[in-house]
Amino acid sequence: MGNLVEEFFENPTGPLGTIKCSPWNSYGKTLLLGDAAHAIVPFYGQGMNASLEDVVVLDSILEQHAQDASKITHWKAVFEAYEKARKRDTDAIADLAVDNFHEMKEHTANALFQQKRKLETAFESEFPNKYQSKYSMVTFNADMSYFEAMKKGRAQDKAILNLIDDGKLTDSLSLEQKLAIVKKETKEILHDDAVVRNLK
């Protein structure tokens, strides 16, 4: 950019924010969807996808309650069922977007993080049916909810970083052996996390 300083000071940035509100409905008369209910920062590129997914989920719930939407007399129940089905995922993608901001801002130059990314890239290239990074789960797996992607992705990240830092993924191991170790460690982390959640 030829005149970066001028462009920077003459074009101020707008604020970015996250919205996590509840309830999304008012006595069965109105319903919030999309950014009105769950605006997120743009660091995962999932804002529009999450909003369109809202429509798919709401449509599915409408089908469960009546074949003909004009005959539904209990909109409050429909709206509450929709929010119950959706809120956990929209909170998850909001958290993931903030996570990704911090990852891009602070970790990409870190040697440990670079090793993790190199290993994940190799796993996805060699074993596309056995391994998906958190980013791939969120962005390219329509069958996995945002919440599940966040939960599994965070566990995988933690597993790989711990294993690299502890020197347990040595060069003497094959890529397949490394993947087996990562999967085992991820499973143990997910189990421990589930135990902690159940104790709360």
N, C-alpha and C. Protein backbone atom coordinates (compact mmCIF):
# COMPACT_ATOMS: atom_id res chain seq x y z
N MET A 1 0.85 -1.19 0.00
CA MET A 1 0.00 0.00 0.00
C MET A 1 0.89 1.24 0.00
N GLY A 2 0.76 2.03 -1.03
CA GLY A 2 1.61 3.19 -1.19
C GLY A 2 1.48 4.23 -0.10
N ASN A 3 0.26 4.55 0.30
CA ASN A 3 0.05 5.56 1.35
C ASN A 3 -0.65 4.94 2.55
N LEU A 4 0.04 4.00 3.17
CA LEU A 4 -0.50 3.23 4.29
C LEU A 4 -0.91 4.12 5.47
N VAL A 5 -0.05 5.06 5.86
CA VAL A 5 -0.34 5.90 7.02
C VAL A 5 -1.61 6.71 6.78
N GLU A 6 -1.71 7.30 5.61
CA GLU A 6 -2.90 8.10 5.27
C GLU A 6 -4.15 7.23 5.26
N GLU A 7 -4.08 6.06 4.63
CA GLU A 7 -5.23 5.14 4.57
C GLU A 7 -5.65 4.72 5.98
N PHE A 8 -4.66 4.43 6.82
CA PHE A 8 -4.94 3.95 8.18
C PHE A 8 -5.70 5.01 8.99
N PHE A 9 -5.22 6.24 8.95
CA PHE A 9 -5.81 7.28 9.80
C PHE A 9 -7.09 7.87 9.22
N GLU A 10 -7.30 7.77 7.91
CA GLU A 10 -8.52 8.32 7.30
C GLU A 10 -9.65 7.32 7.23
N ASN A 11 -9.37 6.06 7.53
CA ASN A 11 -10.39 5.01 7.47
C ASN A 11 -10.41 4.23 8.79
N PRO A 12 -11.02 4.82 9.81
CA PRO A 12 -11.02 4.14 11.12
C PRO A 12 -11.75 2.80 11.07
N THR A 13 -11.31 1.89 11.90
CA THR A 13 -11.94 0.57 11.95
C THR A 13 -13.21 0.63 12.79
N GLY A 14 -14.13 -0.25 12.49
CA GLY A 14 -15.35 -0.38 13.27
C GLY A 14 -15.14 -1.39 14.38
N PRO A 15 -15.98 -1.35 15.39
CA PRO A 15 -15.82 -2.31 16.50
C PRO A 15 -16.28 -3.71 16.08
N LEU A 16 -15.65 -4.71 16.66
CA LEU A 16 -16.06 -6.10 16.48
C LEU A 16 -16.59 -6.59 17.82
N GLY A 17 -17.57 -7.45 17.78
CA GLY A 17 -18.11 -7.93 19.04
C GLY A 17 -18.78 -9.28 18.91
N THR A 18 -19.03 -9.87 20.06
CA THR A 18 -19.71 -11.15 20.15
C THR A 18 -21.01 -10.94 20.91
N ILE A 19 -22.09 -11.54 20.41
CA ILE A 19 -23.37 -11.48 21.12
C ILE A 19 -23.76 -12.90 21.54
N LYS A 20 -23.95 -13.07 22.84
CA LYS A 20 -24.51 -14.31 23.38
C LYS A 20 -25.67 -13.88 24.26
N CYS A 21 -26.87 -13.98 23.75
CA CYS A 21 -28.02 -13.54 24.53
C CYS A 21 -29.02 -14.68 24.72
N SER A 22 -29.93 -14.47 25.62
CA SER A 22 -30.98 -15.45 25.89
C SER A 22 -32.07 -14.76 26.70
N PRO A 23 -33.33 -15.05 26.48
CA PRO A 23 -33.87 -15.98 25.48
C PRO A 23 -33.90 -15.36 24.08
N TRP A 24 -34.10 -16.22 23.10
CA TRP A 24 -34.19 -15.77 21.72
C TRP A 24 -35.64 -15.52 21.29
N ASN A 25 -36.58 -15.83 22.16
CA ASN A 25 -37.98 -15.64 21.78
C ASN A 25 -38.73 -14.88 22.88
N SER A 26 -39.82 -14.27 22.47
CA SER A 26 -40.65 -13.51 23.39
C SER A 26 -42.07 -14.05 23.36
N TYR A 27 -42.38 -14.91 24.32
CA TYR A 27 -43.73 -15.45 24.51
C TYR A 27 -44.31 -16.07 23.23
N GLY A 28 -43.45 -16.62 22.39
CA GLY A 28 -43.94 -17.27 21.18
C GLY A 28 -44.40 -16.30 20.11
N LYS A 29 -44.08 -15.00 20.26
CA LYS A 29 -44.53 -14.01 19.28
C LYS A 29 -43.40 -13.56 18.35
N THR A 30 -42.18 -13.56 18.85
CA THR A 30 -41.03 -13.17 18.03
C THR A 30 -39.87 -14.13 18.28
N LEU A 31 -38.98 -14.21 17.31
CA LEU A 31 -37.83 -15.10 17.44
C LEU A 31 -36.61 -14.44 16.81
N LEU A 32 -35.50 -14.46 17.53
CA LEU A 32 -34.24 -13.97 16.99
C LEU A 32 -33.49 -15.10 16.31
N LEU A 33 -32.94 -14.82 15.13
CA LEU A 33 -32.09 -15.77 14.43
C LEU A 33 -30.86 -15.01 13.93
N GLY A 34 -29.85 -15.73 13.52
CA GLY A 34 -28.67 -15.11 12.91
C GLY A 34 -27.96 -14.17 13.85
N ASP A 35 -27.37 -13.11 13.26
CA ASP A 35 -26.55 -12.18 14.05
C ASP A 35 -27.33 -11.51 15.18
N ALA A 36 -28.62 -11.36 15.05
CA ALA A 36 -29.41 -10.74 16.12
C ALA A 36 -29.34 -11.56 17.40
N ALA A 37 -29.18 -12.88 17.26
CA ALA A 37 -29.12 -13.77 18.42
C ALA A 37 -27.68 -14.13 18.80
N HIS A 38 -26.80 -14.15 17.81
CA HIS A 38 -25.45 -14.66 18.09
C HIS A 38 -24.39 -14.11 17.13
N ALA A 39 -24.23 -12.80 17.12
CA ALA A 39 -23.18 -12.21 16.29
C ALA A 39 -21.81 -12.67 16.78
N ILE A 40 -20.90 -12.90 15.83
CA ILE A 40 -19.56 -13.37 16.20
C ILE A 40 -18.51 -12.56 15.44
N VAL A 41 -17.29 -12.56 15.98
CA VAL A 41 -16.19 -11.91 15.28
C VAL A 41 -15.84 -12.76 14.05
N PRO A 42 -15.22 -12.15 13.02
CA PRO A 42 -15.10 -12.84 11.72
C PRO A 42 -13.90 -13.76 11.56
N PHE A 43 -13.27 -14.18 12.64
CA PHE A 43 -11.99 -14.87 12.51
C PHE A 43 -12.09 -16.36 12.22
N TYR A 44 -13.28 -16.87 12.02
CA TYR A 44 -13.44 -18.25 11.52
C TYR A 44 -14.19 -18.25 10.19
N GLY A 45 -14.72 -17.11 9.80
CA GLY A 45 -15.46 -17.02 8.54
C GLY A 45 -16.73 -17.85 8.55
N GLN A 46 -17.38 -17.98 9.72
CA GLN A 46 -18.55 -18.84 9.84
C GLN A 46 -19.85 -18.09 10.17
N GLY A 47 -19.81 -16.76 10.22
CA GLY A 47 -21.00 -16.00 10.61
C GLY A 47 -22.21 -16.28 9.74
N MET A 48 -22.05 -16.19 8.43
CA MET A 48 -23.17 -16.44 7.52
C MET A 48 -23.58 -17.91 7.55
N ASN A 49 -22.59 -18.81 7.60
CA ASN A 49 -22.90 -20.23 7.66
C ASN A 49 -23.73 -20.56 8.89
N ALA A 50 -23.34 -19.98 10.04
CA ALA A 50 -24.07 -20.23 11.28
C ALA A 50 -25.50 -19.71 11.16
N SER A 51 -25.68 -18.56 10.53
CA SER A 51 -27.02 -17.99 10.37
C SER A 51 -27.88 -18.84 9.44
N LEU A 52 -27.29 -19.32 8.35
CA LEU A 52 -28.04 -20.18 7.44
C LEU A 52 -28.38 -21.52 8.10
N GLU A 53 -27.48 -21.99 8.94
CA GLU A 53 -27.73 -23.23 9.67
C GLU A 53 -28.91 -23.05 10.64
N ASP A 54 -29.06 -21.84 11.18
CA ASP A 54 -30.22 -21.54 12.03
C ASP A 54 -31.52 -21.88 11.30
N VAL A 55 -31.59 -21.47 10.04
CA VAL A 55 -32.80 -21.67 9.25
C VAL A 55 -33.06 -23.17 9.05
N VAL A 56 -31.99 -23.92 8.79
CA VAL A 56 -32.13 -25.37 8.60
C VAL A 56 -32.64 -26.03 9.88
N VAL A 57 -32.08 -25.62 11.02
CA VAL A 57 -32.50 -26.20 12.30
C VAL A 57 -33.94 -25.82 12.63
N LEU A 58 -34.30 -24.56 12.42
CA LEU A 58 -35.68 -24.12 12.68
C LEU A 58 -36.66 -24.86 11.78
N ASP A 59 -36.30 -25.02 10.52
CA ASP A 59 -37.16 -25.74 9.58
C ASP A 59 -37.38 -27.18 10.04
N SER A 60 -36.33 -27.81 10.53
CA SER A 60 -36.43 -29.18 11.03
C SER A 60 -37.38 -29.25 12.23
N ILE A 61 -37.29 -28.27 13.11
CA ILE A 61 -38.16 -28.26 14.30
C ILE A 61 -39.60 -27.97 13.91
N LEU A 62 -39.80 -27.11 12.93
CA LEU A 62 -41.16 -26.86 12.44
C LEU A 62 -41.78 -28.14 11.88
N GLU A 63 -40.98 -28.92 11.17
CA GLU A 63 -41.47 -30.19 10.62
C GLU A 63 -41.84 -31.16 11.74
N GLN A 64 -41.08 -31.13 12.83
CA GLN A 64 -41.38 -32.02 13.95
C GLN A 64 -42.70 -31.66 14.63
N HIS A 65 -43.05 -30.36 14.61
CA HIS A 65 -44.24 -29.91 15.32
C HIS A 65 -45.52 -29.93 14.48
N ALA A 66 -45.38 -29.83 13.18
CA ALA A 66 -46.59 -29.87 12.34
C ALA A 66 -46.19 -29.97 10.88
N GLN A 67 -47.01 -30.65 10.12
CA GLN A 67 -46.79 -30.73 8.68
C GLN A 67 -47.08 -29.38 8.03
N ASP A 68 -48.00 -28.65 8.60
CA ASP A 68 -48.42 -27.36 8.04
C ASP A 68 -48.17 -26.27 9.08
N ALA A 69 -47.20 -25.40 8.82
CA ALA A 69 -46.82 -24.37 9.79
C ALA A 69 -48.00 -23.45 10.14
N SER A 70 -48.94 -23.28 9.23
CA SER A 70 -50.09 -22.40 9.52
C SER A 70 -50.99 -22.98 10.60
N LYS A 71 -50.85 -24.27 10.89
CA LYS A 71 -51.68 -24.92 11.91
C LYS A 71 -51.01 -25.00 13.28
N ILE A 72 -49.79 -24.49 13.37
CA ILE A 72 -49.09 -24.53 14.66
C ILE A 72 -49.73 -23.51 15.60
N THR A 73 -50.16 -23.98 16.75
CA THR A 73 -50.80 -23.09 17.74
C THR A 73 -49.90 -22.87 18.96
N HIS A 74 -48.80 -23.57 19.01
CA HIS A 74 -47.92 -23.50 20.18
C HIS A 74 -46.52 -23.00 19.77
N TRP A 75 -46.47 -21.79 19.25
CA TRP A 75 -45.21 -21.22 18.76
C TRP A 75 -44.17 -21.09 19.86
N LYS A 76 -44.60 -20.82 21.08
CA LYS A 76 -43.65 -20.69 22.19
C LYS A 76 -42.85 -21.98 22.35
N ALA A 77 -43.54 -23.12 22.28
CA ALA A 77 -42.85 -24.41 22.40
C ALA A 77 -41.89 -24.64 21.24
N VAL A 78 -42.30 -24.22 20.04
CA VAL A 78 -41.44 -24.36 18.85
C VAL A 78 -40.18 -23.52 19.03
N PHE A 79 -40.36 -22.26 19.43
CA PHE A 79 -39.23 -21.35 19.57
C PHE A 79 -38.28 -21.81 20.68
N GLU A 80 -38.85 -22.31 21.77
CA GLU A 80 -38.01 -22.79 22.87
C GLU A 80 -37.23 -24.05 22.46
N ALA A 81 -37.88 -24.91 21.70
CA ALA A 81 -37.19 -26.12 21.21
C ALA A 81 -36.06 -25.74 20.26
N TYR A 82 -36.31 -24.73 19.44
CA TYR A 82 -35.28 -24.25 18.51
C TYR A 82 -34.07 -23.71 19.29
N GLU A 83 -34.33 -22.85 20.27
CA GLU A 83 -33.22 -22.27 21.04
C GLU A 83 -32.44 -23.35 21.78
N LYS A 84 -33.15 -24.31 22.36
CA LYS A 84 -32.50 -25.40 23.08
C LYS A 84 -31.60 -26.21 22.14
N ALA A 85 -32.06 -26.41 20.92
CA ALA A 85 -31.30 -27.20 19.94
C ALA A 85 -30.11 -26.45 19.39
N ARG A 86 -30.16 -25.13 19.42
CA ARG A 86 -29.19 -24.33 18.66
C ARG A 86 -28.18 -23.56 19.50
N LYS A 87 -28.56 -23.13 20.68
CA LYS A 87 -27.73 -22.18 21.43
C LYS A 87 -26.33 -22.71 21.74
N ARG A 88 -26.23 -23.96 22.11
CA ARG A 88 -24.93 -24.54 22.46
C ARG A 88 -23.95 -24.41 21.28
N ASP A 89 -24.46 -24.63 20.06
CA ASP A 89 -23.61 -24.54 18.88
C ASP A 89 -23.23 -23.11 18.53
N THR A 90 -24.16 -22.19 18.70
CA THR A 90 -23.83 -20.80 18.37
C THR A 90 -22.87 -20.21 19.40
N ASP A 91 -23.00 -20.60 20.66
CA ASP A 91 -22.02 -20.18 21.66
C ASP A 91 -20.64 -20.76 21.32
N ALA A 92 -20.63 -22.00 20.83
CA ALA A 92 -19.37 -22.67 20.50
C ALA A 92 -18.65 -21.97 19.34
N ILE A 93 -19.37 -21.62 18.28
CA ILE A 93 -18.70 -20.97 17.15
C ILE A 93 -18.23 -19.57 17.54
N ALA A 94 -18.95 -18.92 18.44
CA ALA A 94 -18.49 -17.62 18.95
C ALA A 94 -17.16 -17.78 19.68
N ASP A 95 -17.06 -18.81 20.52
CA ASP A 95 -15.82 -19.07 21.25
C ASP A 95 -14.69 -19.49 20.30
N LEU A 96 -15.02 -20.29 19.30
CA LEU A 96 -14.01 -20.73 18.33
C LEU A 96 -13.45 -19.56 17.54
N ALA A 97 -14.31 -18.61 17.18
CA ALA A 97 -13.86 -17.44 16.42
C ALA A 97 -12.87 -16.61 17.25
N VAL A 98 -13.14 -16.46 18.54
CA VAL A 98 -12.21 -15.73 19.42
C VAL A 98 -10.92 -16.53 19.58
N ASP A 99 -11.04 -17.86 19.74
CA ASP A 99 -9.85 -18.72 19.83
C ASP A 99 -8.96 -18.52 18.61
N ASN A 100 -9.58 -18.50 17.43
CA ASN A 100 -8.82 -18.40 16.19
C ASN A 100 -8.11 -17.05 16.09
N PHE A 101 -8.76 -16.00 16.59
CA PHE A 101 -8.12 -14.69 16.61
C PHE A 101 -6.83 -14.74 17.43
N HIS A 102 -6.92 -15.31 18.63
CA HIS A 102 -5.74 -15.39 19.49
C HIS A 102 -4.66 -16.29 18.89
N GLU A 103 -5.11 -17.37 18.23
CA GLU A 103 -4.16 -18.27 17.58
C GLU A 103 -3.39 -17.54 16.49
N MET A 104 -4.10 -16.81 15.64
CA MET A 104 -3.45 -16.07 14.55
C MET A 104 -2.57 -14.95 15.08
N LYS A 105 -3.02 -14.31 16.15
CA LYS A 105 -2.31 -13.16 16.71
C LYS A 105 -1.04 -13.56 17.46
N GLU A 106 -1.12 -14.67 18.21
CA GLU A 106 -0.05 -14.97 19.15
C GLU A 106 0.76 -16.23 18.86
N HIS A 107 0.18 -17.21 18.16
CA HIS A 107 0.81 -18.52 18.12
C HIS A 107 1.46 -18.92 16.80
N THR A 108 1.11 -18.27 15.71
CA THR A 108 1.59 -18.76 14.41
C THR A 108 3.11 -18.71 14.26
N ALA A 109 3.79 -17.83 14.99
CA ALA A 109 5.26 -17.76 14.92
C ALA A 109 5.93 -18.67 15.95
N ASN A 110 5.12 -19.31 16.81
CA ASN A 110 5.65 -20.18 17.85
C ASN A 110 6.11 -21.51 17.25
N ALA A 111 7.31 -21.95 17.61
CA ALA A 111 7.88 -23.17 17.03
C ALA A 111 7.02 -24.40 17.34
N LEU A 112 6.50 -24.48 18.56
CA LEU A 112 5.65 -25.61 18.95
C LEU A 112 4.38 -25.65 18.10
N PHE A 113 3.77 -24.49 17.91
CA PHE A 113 2.57 -24.40 17.08
C PHE A 113 2.89 -24.79 15.64
N GLN A 114 4.01 -24.37 15.12
CA GLN A 114 4.39 -24.70 13.74
C GLN A 114 4.58 -26.21 13.57
N GLN A 115 5.16 -26.85 14.59
CA GLN A 115 5.31 -28.31 14.55
C GLN A 115 3.94 -28.99 14.54
N LYS A 116 3.04 -28.46 15.36
CA LYS A 116 1.67 -29.02 15.41
C LYS A 116 1.00 -28.92 14.04
N ARG A 117 1.08 -27.75 13.42
CA ARG A 117 0.44 -27.54 12.12
C ARG A 117 1.05 -28.45 11.05
N LYS A 118 2.37 -28.61 11.10
CA LYS A 118 3.05 -29.48 10.13
C LYS A 118 2.57 -30.92 10.29
N LEU A 119 2.44 -31.35 11.54
CA LEU A 119 1.98 -32.72 11.81
C LEU A 119 0.52 -32.89 11.37
N GLU A 120 -0.33 -31.92 11.70
CA GLU A 120 -1.74 -32.00 11.30
C GLU A 120 -1.90 -32.03 9.79
N THR A 121 -1.11 -31.22 9.10
CA THR A 121 -1.16 -31.19 7.64
C THR A 121 -0.79 -32.56 7.07
N ALA A 122 0.23 -33.18 7.66
CA ALA A 122 0.64 -34.53 7.22
C ALA A 122 -0.45 -35.55 7.51
N PHE A 123 -1.06 -35.49 8.71
CA PHE A 123 -2.15 -36.41 9.05
C PHE A 123 -3.30 -36.29 8.05
N GLU A 124 -3.72 -35.05 7.77
CA GLU A 124 -4.86 -34.84 6.87
C GLU A 124 -4.54 -35.26 5.45
N SER A 125 -3.29 -35.09 5.05
CA SER A 125 -2.89 -35.48 3.70
C SER A 125 -2.82 -37.00 3.54
N GLU A 126 -2.22 -37.67 4.52
CA GLU A 126 -2.02 -39.12 4.43
C GLU A 126 -3.22 -39.93 4.89
N PHE A 127 -3.98 -39.40 5.86
CA PHE A 127 -5.09 -40.16 6.44
C PHE A 127 -6.37 -39.30 6.47
N PRO A 128 -6.86 -38.88 5.30
CA PRO A 128 -8.02 -37.97 5.28
C PRO A 128 -9.29 -38.54 5.90
N ASN A 129 -9.40 -39.86 5.98
CA ASN A 129 -10.59 -40.47 6.58
C ASN A 129 -10.41 -40.77 8.08
N LYS A 130 -9.20 -40.53 8.59
CA LYS A 130 -8.93 -40.85 9.99
C LYS A 130 -8.64 -39.63 10.84
N TYR A 131 -8.33 -38.50 10.20
CA TYR A 131 -7.97 -37.32 10.98
C TYR A 131 -8.48 -36.04 10.34
N GLN A 132 -9.04 -35.17 11.17
CA GLN A 132 -9.41 -33.81 10.76
C GLN A 132 -8.94 -32.84 11.84
N SER A 133 -8.31 -31.77 11.42
CA SER A 133 -7.93 -30.73 12.37
C SER A 133 -9.19 -30.01 12.85
N LYS A 134 -9.06 -29.23 13.91
CA LYS A 134 -10.20 -28.45 14.41
C LYS A 134 -10.76 -27.56 13.31
N TYR A 135 -9.86 -26.89 12.58
CA TYR A 135 -10.30 -26.01 11.50
C TYR A 135 -11.11 -26.77 10.46
N SER A 136 -10.65 -27.95 10.08
CA SER A 136 -11.37 -28.75 9.09
C SER A 136 -12.71 -29.24 9.61
N MET A 137 -12.75 -29.62 10.89
CA MET A 137 -14.02 -30.06 11.47
C MET A 137 -15.06 -28.94 11.44
N VAL A 138 -14.62 -27.73 11.77
CA VAL A 138 -15.53 -26.59 11.79
C VAL A 138 -15.94 -26.19 10.38
N THR A 139 -14.99 -26.15 9.47
CA THR A 139 -15.21 -25.56 8.15
C THR A 139 -15.73 -26.54 7.11
N PHE A 140 -15.30 -27.79 7.16
CA PHE A 140 -15.60 -28.72 6.08
C PHE A 140 -16.41 -29.95 6.47
N ASN A 141 -16.84 -30.05 7.72
CA ASN A 141 -17.61 -31.23 8.14
C ASN A 141 -19.03 -30.80 8.51
N ALA A 142 -19.92 -30.86 7.54
CA ALA A 142 -21.31 -30.43 7.77
C ALA A 142 -22.06 -31.35 8.72
N ASP A 143 -21.55 -32.56 8.93
CA ASP A 143 -22.22 -33.51 9.83
C ASP A 143 -21.83 -33.33 11.29
N MET A 144 -20.86 -32.45 11.56
CA MET A 144 -20.41 -32.25 12.94
C MET A 144 -20.86 -30.87 13.42
N SER A 145 -21.47 -30.84 14.58
CA SER A 145 -21.93 -29.57 15.14
C SER A 145 -20.74 -28.73 15.57
N TYR A 146 -20.97 -27.43 15.68
CA TYR A 146 -19.91 -26.54 16.15
C TYR A 146 -19.43 -26.95 17.55
N PHE A 147 -20.36 -27.34 18.40
CA PHE A 147 -19.99 -27.73 19.76
C PHE A 147 -19.08 -28.96 19.76
N GLU A 148 -19.46 -29.96 18.96
CA GLU A 148 -18.64 -31.18 18.89
C GLU A 148 -17.27 -30.88 18.29
N ALA A 149 -17.24 -30.03 17.25
CA ALA A 149 -15.97 -29.65 16.63
C ALA A 149 -15.07 -28.92 17.62
N MET A 150 -15.69 -28.03 18.41
CA MET A 150 -14.91 -27.30 19.42
C MET A 150 -14.34 -28.25 20.46
N LYS A 151 -15.21 -29.14 20.97
CA LYS A 151 -14.80 -30.06 22.03
C LYS A 151 -13.68 -30.99 21.55
N LYS A 152 -13.89 -31.62 20.40
CA LYS A 152 -12.89 -32.56 19.89
C LYS A 152 -11.65 -31.82 19.40
N GLY A 153 -11.86 -30.68 18.73
CA GLY A 153 -10.72 -29.92 18.21
C GLY A 153 -9.80 -29.42 19.31
N ARG A 154 -10.39 -28.90 20.38
CA ARG A 154 -9.57 -28.42 21.50
C ARG A 154 -8.80 -29.58 22.13
N ALA A 155 -9.45 -30.74 22.25
CA ALA A 155 -8.77 -31.91 22.84
C ALA A 155 -7.61 -32.36 21.96
N GLN A 156 -7.82 -32.38 20.65
CA GLN A 156 -6.75 -32.76 19.72
C GLN A 156 -5.59 -31.79 19.80
N ASP A 157 -5.91 -30.50 19.80
CA ASP A 157 -4.85 -29.48 19.89
C ASP A 157 -4.01 -29.68 21.15
N LYS A 158 -4.71 -29.86 22.26
CA LYS A 158 -4.03 -30.06 23.54
C LYS A 158 -3.17 -31.32 23.51
N ALA A 159 -3.73 -32.40 22.94
CA ALA A 159 -3.00 -33.66 22.87
C ALA A 159 -1.71 -33.51 22.06
N ILE A 160 -1.83 -32.92 20.88
CA ILE A 160 -0.65 -32.79 20.01
C ILE A 160 0.41 -31.89 20.64
N LEU A 161 -0.02 -30.75 21.16
CA LEU A 161 0.94 -29.83 21.78
C LEU A 161 1.64 -30.47 22.97
N ASN A 162 0.89 -31.19 23.80
CA ASN A 162 1.49 -31.87 24.97
C ASN A 162 2.48 -32.94 24.52
N LEU A 163 2.08 -33.73 23.52
CA LEU A 163 2.94 -34.83 23.06
C LEU A 163 4.22 -34.30 22.42
N ILE A 164 4.12 -33.23 21.65
CA ILE A 164 5.32 -32.65 21.04
C ILE A 164 6.22 -32.08 22.13
N ASP A 165 5.61 -31.33 23.04
CA ASP A 165 6.38 -30.69 24.10
C ASP A 165 7.07 -31.72 25.01
N ASP A 166 6.41 -32.86 25.21
CA ASP A 166 6.98 -33.93 26.05
C ASP A 166 7.95 -34.82 25.29
N GLY A 167 8.14 -34.57 23.99
CA GLY A 167 9.07 -35.36 23.18
C GLY A 167 8.60 -36.77 22.89
N LYS A 168 7.28 -36.98 22.88
CA LYS A 168 6.74 -38.33 22.68
C LYS A 168 6.43 -38.66 21.21
N LEU A 169 6.56 -37.68 20.32
CA LEU A 169 6.33 -37.94 18.90
C LEU A 169 7.67 -37.83 18.17
N THR A 170 8.52 -38.79 18.43
CA THR A 170 9.90 -38.75 17.91
C THR A 170 9.96 -39.09 16.43
N ASP A 171 11.07 -38.74 15.79
CA ASP A 171 11.26 -39.01 14.37
C ASP A 171 11.35 -40.50 14.07
N SER A 172 11.63 -41.31 15.07
CA SER A 172 11.73 -42.76 14.86
C SER A 172 10.36 -43.41 14.63
N LEU A 173 9.30 -42.68 14.99
CA LEU A 173 7.94 -43.21 14.81
C LEU A 173 7.44 -42.91 13.40
N SER A 174 6.66 -43.83 12.86
CA SER A 174 6.02 -43.57 11.57
C SER A 174 4.87 -42.59 11.77
N LEU A 175 4.39 -42.00 10.69
CA LEU A 175 3.27 -41.06 10.78
C LEU A 175 2.03 -41.76 11.33
N GLU A 176 1.86 -43.02 10.93
CA GLU A 176 0.70 -43.79 11.41
C GLU A 176 0.79 -44.04 12.92
N GLN A 177 1.99 -44.33 13.40
CA GLN A 177 2.19 -44.53 14.85
C GLN A 177 1.92 -43.23 15.62
N LYS A 178 2.37 -42.12 15.06
CA LYS A 178 2.12 -40.83 15.69
C LYS A 178 0.63 -40.55 15.78
N LEU A 179 -0.10 -40.86 14.69
CA LEU A 179 -1.54 -40.64 14.68
C LEU A 179 -2.22 -41.48 15.76
N ALA A 180 -1.80 -42.73 15.89
CA ALA A 180 -2.40 -43.61 16.91
C ALA A 180 -2.17 -43.04 18.32
N ILE A 181 -0.99 -42.50 18.57
CA ILE A 181 -0.67 -41.91 19.88
C ILE A 181 -1.53 -40.67 20.12
N VAL A 182 -1.67 -39.82 19.07
CA VAL A 182 -2.48 -38.60 19.18
C VAL A 182 -3.94 -38.95 19.45
N LYS A 183 -4.45 -39.96 18.75
CA LYS A 183 -5.86 -40.36 18.95
C LYS A 183 -6.07 -40.88 20.38
N LYS A 184 -5.13 -41.68 20.87
CA LYS A 184 -5.24 -42.22 22.23
C LYS A 184 -5.24 -41.08 23.25
N GLU A 185 -4.31 -40.14 23.09
CA GLU A 185 -4.21 -39.01 24.02
C GLU A 185 -5.46 -38.13 23.95
N THR A 186 -5.96 -37.91 22.74
CA THR A 186 -7.18 -37.11 22.56
C THR A 186 -8.36 -37.75 23.27
N LYS A 187 -8.48 -39.07 23.12
CA LYS A 187 -9.57 -39.80 23.76
C LYS A 187 -9.49 -39.66 25.28
N GLU A 188 -8.28 -39.72 25.83
CA GLU A 188 -8.11 -39.60 27.28
C GLU A 188 -8.47 -38.19 27.75
N ILE A 189 -8.10 -37.18 26.98
CA ILE A 189 -8.44 -35.80 27.33
C ILE A 189 -9.95 -35.60 27.29
N LEU A 190 -10.60 -36.13 26.26
CA LEU A 190 -12.06 -36.01 26.15
C LEU A 190 -12.74 -36.70 27.33
N HIS A 191 -12.22 -37.86 27.73
CA HIS A 191 -12.78 -38.58 28.87
C HIS A 191 -12.62 -37.76 30.15
N ASP A 192 -11.43 -37.22 30.36
CA ASP A 192 -11.18 -36.41 31.56
C ASP A 192 -12.08 -35.17 31.58
N ASP A 193 -12.24 -34.53 30.42
CA ASP A 193 -13.11 -33.35 30.33
C ASP A 193 -14.55 -33.70 30.66
N ALA A 194 -15.00 -34.88 30.19
CA ALA A 194 -16.37 -35.33 30.46
C ALA A 194 -16.58 -35.59 31.95
N VAL A 195 -15.57 -36.16 32.58
CA VAL A 195 -15.65 -36.42 34.02
C VAL A 195 -15.76 -35.11 34.79
N VAL A 196 -14.95 -34.12 34.40
CA VAL A 196 -14.97 -32.82 35.07
C VAL A 196 -16.34 -32.16 34.89
N ARG A 197 -16.89 -32.24 33.65
CA ARG A 197 -18.21 -31.63 33.40
C ARG A 197 -19.29 -32.29 34.25
N ASN A 198 -19.21 -33.61 34.42
CA ASN A 198 -20.21 -34.32 35.20
C ASN A 198 -20.11 -34.03 36.69
N LEU A 199 -18.92 -33.64 37.15
CA LEU A 199 -18.73 -33.33 38.56
C LEU A 199 -19.26 -31.94 38.91
N LYS A 200 -19.42 -31.08 37.91
CA LYS A 200 -19.88 -29.70 38.17
C LYS A 200 -21.36 -29.67 38.50
